[in-house]
Amino acid sequence: MAKNSKSKRKLFGLVSEESGERTYYAKKNTMNTPDKLSLRKYDPKLRRHVTFTETKKNLGRNEVKPRKH
C-alpha cells in the first residue's frame, strides 16, 4: 500500500498511563483534532481497561523511557 503524501492523517502511538507500554497505533486528522488524544482501552499487560494517551509513532522500541530534566 503506497503512502499518500497529500493526506492530512498522521500515525501516532497510544501509550498506557499505568504500565507505560505503547500497545496501540492509530491515525487521526491533525487539522480537525490538533490536541493530544486520550482514550480508554484494554491493556493486555495489566488485563484491564486503562487510559491511553497519544505519543509520537516510534516503532523502534515498545516502552517509553522517562524524560530527563
N, C-alpha and C. Protein backbone atom coordinates (compact mmCIF):
# COMPACT_ATOMS: atom_id res chain seq x y z
N MET A 1 0.84 -1.17 0.00
CA MET A 1 0.00 0.00 0.00
C MET A 1 0.89 1.24 0.00
N ALA A 2 0.73 2.08 -0.99
CA ALA A 2 1.55 3.29 -1.12
C ALA A 2 1.02 4.38 -0.18
N LYS A 3 1.95 5.12 0.41
CA LYS A 3 1.57 6.20 1.32
C LYS A 3 1.22 7.44 0.52
N ASN A 4 0.09 8.03 0.84
CA ASN A 4 -0.36 9.23 0.16
C ASN A 4 0.22 10.44 0.90
N SER A 5 1.14 11.17 0.26
CA SER A 5 1.81 12.29 0.92
C SER A 5 0.89 13.49 1.09
N LYS A 6 -0.21 13.54 0.35
CA LYS A 6 -1.14 14.66 0.45
C LYS A 6 -2.12 14.49 1.61
N SER A 7 -2.13 13.35 2.24
CA SER A 7 -3.07 13.07 3.31
C SER A 7 -2.73 13.88 4.56
N LYS A 8 -3.75 14.36 5.24
CA LYS A 8 -3.58 15.11 6.48
C LYS A 8 -3.58 14.18 7.70
N ARG A 9 -3.80 12.89 7.47
CA ARG A 9 -3.86 11.94 8.58
C ARG A 9 -2.46 11.51 8.99
N LYS A 10 -2.21 11.53 10.31
CA LYS A 10 -0.91 11.18 10.87
C LYS A 10 -1.05 9.94 11.75
N LEU A 11 -0.02 9.10 11.72
CA LEU A 11 0.02 7.91 12.55
C LEU A 11 0.65 8.26 13.90
N PHE A 12 0.05 7.78 14.98
CA PHE A 12 0.58 8.04 16.32
C PHE A 12 0.38 6.81 17.18
N GLY A 13 1.16 6.73 18.25
CA GLY A 13 1.08 5.62 19.18
C GLY A 13 0.28 6.00 20.41
N LEU A 14 -0.37 5.02 21.02
CA LEU A 14 -1.09 5.22 22.26
C LEU A 14 -0.34 4.49 23.37
N VAL A 15 0.05 5.23 24.40
CA VAL A 15 0.83 4.64 25.49
C VAL A 15 -0.03 4.61 26.75
N SER A 16 0.07 3.49 27.47
CA SER A 16 -0.70 3.31 28.70
C SER A 16 -0.13 4.19 29.80
N GLU A 17 -1.00 4.84 30.56
CA GLU A 17 -0.54 5.70 31.65
C GLU A 17 -0.06 4.88 32.84
N GLU A 18 -0.58 3.66 33.00
CA GLU A 18 -0.21 2.87 34.17
C GLU A 18 0.97 1.94 33.92
N SER A 19 1.00 1.25 32.78
CA SER A 19 2.10 0.31 32.53
C SER A 19 3.22 0.95 31.73
N GLY A 20 2.96 2.03 30.99
CA GLY A 20 3.99 2.70 30.21
C GLY A 20 4.30 2.04 28.89
N GLU A 21 3.51 1.07 28.46
CA GLU A 21 3.73 0.35 27.21
C GLU A 21 2.94 0.99 26.08
N ARG A 22 3.56 1.02 24.91
CA ARG A 22 2.87 1.52 23.71
C ARG A 22 2.28 0.31 23.01
N THR A 23 0.97 0.10 23.16
CA THR A 23 0.32 -1.09 22.66
C THR A 23 -0.45 -0.83 21.37
N TYR A 24 -1.06 0.33 21.25
CA TYR A 24 -1.93 0.62 20.12
C TYR A 24 -1.36 1.72 19.24
N TYR A 25 -1.70 1.67 17.95
CA TYR A 25 -1.37 2.71 16.98
C TYR A 25 -2.65 3.11 16.29
N ALA A 26 -2.77 4.39 15.94
CA ALA A 26 -3.98 4.87 15.29
C ALA A 26 -3.62 6.03 14.36
N LYS A 27 -4.58 6.44 13.56
CA LYS A 27 -4.41 7.59 12.68
C LYS A 27 -5.45 8.63 13.05
N LYS A 28 -5.08 9.90 12.88
CA LYS A 28 -6.05 10.96 13.12
C LYS A 28 -5.78 12.09 12.15
N ASN A 29 -6.80 12.88 11.89
CA ASN A 29 -6.68 14.06 11.06
C ASN A 29 -6.23 15.21 11.95
N THR A 30 -5.02 15.70 11.73
CA THR A 30 -4.46 16.73 12.61
C THR A 30 -5.12 18.09 12.40
N MET A 31 -5.79 18.28 11.29
CA MET A 31 -6.49 19.55 11.06
C MET A 31 -7.73 19.64 11.94
N ASN A 32 -8.44 18.52 12.14
CA ASN A 32 -9.67 18.52 12.93
C ASN A 32 -9.41 18.37 14.42
N THR A 33 -8.41 17.59 14.80
CA THR A 33 -8.11 17.34 16.21
C THR A 33 -6.63 17.62 16.48
N PRO A 34 -6.26 18.88 16.72
CA PRO A 34 -4.84 19.21 16.93
C PRO A 34 -4.31 18.82 18.31
N ASP A 35 -5.19 18.69 19.35
CA ASP A 35 -4.67 18.36 20.68
C ASP A 35 -4.46 16.86 20.82
N LYS A 36 -3.79 16.49 21.90
CA LYS A 36 -3.49 15.09 22.15
C LYS A 36 -4.77 14.33 22.48
N LEU A 37 -4.82 13.10 21.98
CA LEU A 37 -5.96 12.23 22.20
C LEU A 37 -5.75 11.41 23.47
N SER A 38 -6.81 11.14 24.18
CA SER A 38 -6.76 10.30 25.37
C SER A 38 -7.94 9.33 25.29
N LEU A 39 -7.66 8.04 25.20
CA LEU A 39 -8.70 7.03 25.05
C LEU A 39 -8.59 5.99 26.15
N ARG A 40 -9.73 5.42 26.51
CA ARG A 40 -9.76 4.34 27.49
C ARG A 40 -9.84 3.02 26.73
N LYS A 41 -8.76 2.23 26.81
CA LYS A 41 -8.66 0.99 26.06
C LYS A 41 -8.15 -0.13 26.96
N TYR A 42 -8.21 -1.35 26.44
CA TYR A 42 -7.78 -2.52 27.19
C TYR A 42 -6.26 -2.65 27.16
N ASP A 43 -5.64 -2.82 28.34
CA ASP A 43 -4.21 -3.04 28.44
C ASP A 43 -3.97 -4.54 28.68
N PRO A 44 -3.39 -5.24 27.69
CA PRO A 44 -3.20 -6.69 27.87
C PRO A 44 -2.19 -7.05 28.95
N LYS A 45 -1.26 -6.16 29.26
CA LYS A 45 -0.28 -6.45 30.31
C LYS A 45 -0.94 -6.43 31.69
N LEU A 46 -1.81 -5.44 31.93
CA LEU A 46 -2.50 -5.33 33.22
C LEU A 46 -3.82 -6.09 33.24
N ARG A 47 -4.30 -6.48 32.06
CA ARG A 47 -5.56 -7.19 31.88
C ARG A 47 -6.76 -6.42 32.43
N ARG A 48 -6.79 -5.12 32.13
CA ARG A 48 -7.95 -4.29 32.47
C ARG A 48 -7.93 -3.04 31.61
N HIS A 49 -8.99 -2.27 31.66
CA HIS A 49 -9.09 -1.05 30.88
C HIS A 49 -8.42 0.11 31.62
N VAL A 50 -7.56 0.84 30.90
CA VAL A 50 -6.88 2.00 31.46
C VAL A 50 -6.87 3.11 30.41
N THR A 51 -6.41 4.28 30.79
CA THR A 51 -6.35 5.42 29.89
C THR A 51 -5.05 5.38 29.08
N PHE A 52 -5.18 5.54 27.78
CA PHE A 52 -4.04 5.61 26.87
C PHE A 52 -3.97 7.03 26.32
N THR A 53 -2.78 7.61 26.26
CA THR A 53 -2.60 8.94 25.73
C THR A 53 -1.72 8.90 24.49
N GLU A 54 -1.84 9.91 23.67
CA GLU A 54 -1.14 9.98 22.39
C GLU A 54 0.34 10.32 22.57
N THR A 55 1.20 9.61 21.82
CA THR A 55 2.62 9.91 21.75
C THR A 55 3.04 9.85 20.29
N LYS A 56 4.31 10.14 20.04
CA LYS A 56 4.83 10.03 18.68
C LYS A 56 4.89 8.57 18.26
N LYS A 57 4.83 8.34 16.97
CA LYS A 57 4.99 6.99 16.45
C LYS A 57 6.46 6.65 16.46
N ASN A 58 6.83 5.59 17.18
CA ASN A 58 8.21 5.14 17.21
C ASN A 58 8.17 3.62 17.25
N LEU A 59 8.43 3.00 16.12
CA LEU A 59 8.34 1.55 16.02
C LEU A 59 9.59 0.86 16.55
N GLY A 60 10.63 1.60 16.88
CA GLY A 60 11.88 1.00 17.30
C GLY A 60 11.83 0.39 18.68
N ARG A 61 11.10 0.96 19.60
CA ARG A 61 11.02 0.41 20.94
C ARG A 61 9.58 0.44 21.42
N ASN A 62 9.26 -0.43 22.33
CA ASN A 62 7.89 -0.56 22.79
C ASN A 62 7.64 0.19 24.08
N GLU A 63 8.67 0.36 24.92
CA GLU A 63 8.48 1.04 26.19
C GLU A 63 8.93 2.49 26.09
N VAL A 64 8.26 3.35 26.83
CA VAL A 64 8.57 4.76 26.83
C VAL A 64 9.47 5.06 28.02
N LYS A 65 10.62 5.66 27.78
CA LYS A 65 11.55 5.99 28.85
C LYS A 65 11.15 7.33 29.47
N PRO A 66 11.33 7.50 30.78
CA PRO A 66 11.01 8.79 31.41
C PRO A 66 11.95 9.90 30.93
N ARG A 67 11.45 11.10 30.90
CA ARG A 67 12.24 12.25 30.45
C ARG A 67 13.26 12.65 31.48
N LYS A 68 14.41 13.12 31.01
CA LYS A 68 15.42 13.67 31.90
C LYS A 68 15.26 15.18 31.92
N HIS A 69 15.23 15.76 33.11
CA HIS A 69 15.05 17.21 33.22
C HIS A 69 16.35 17.91 33.45
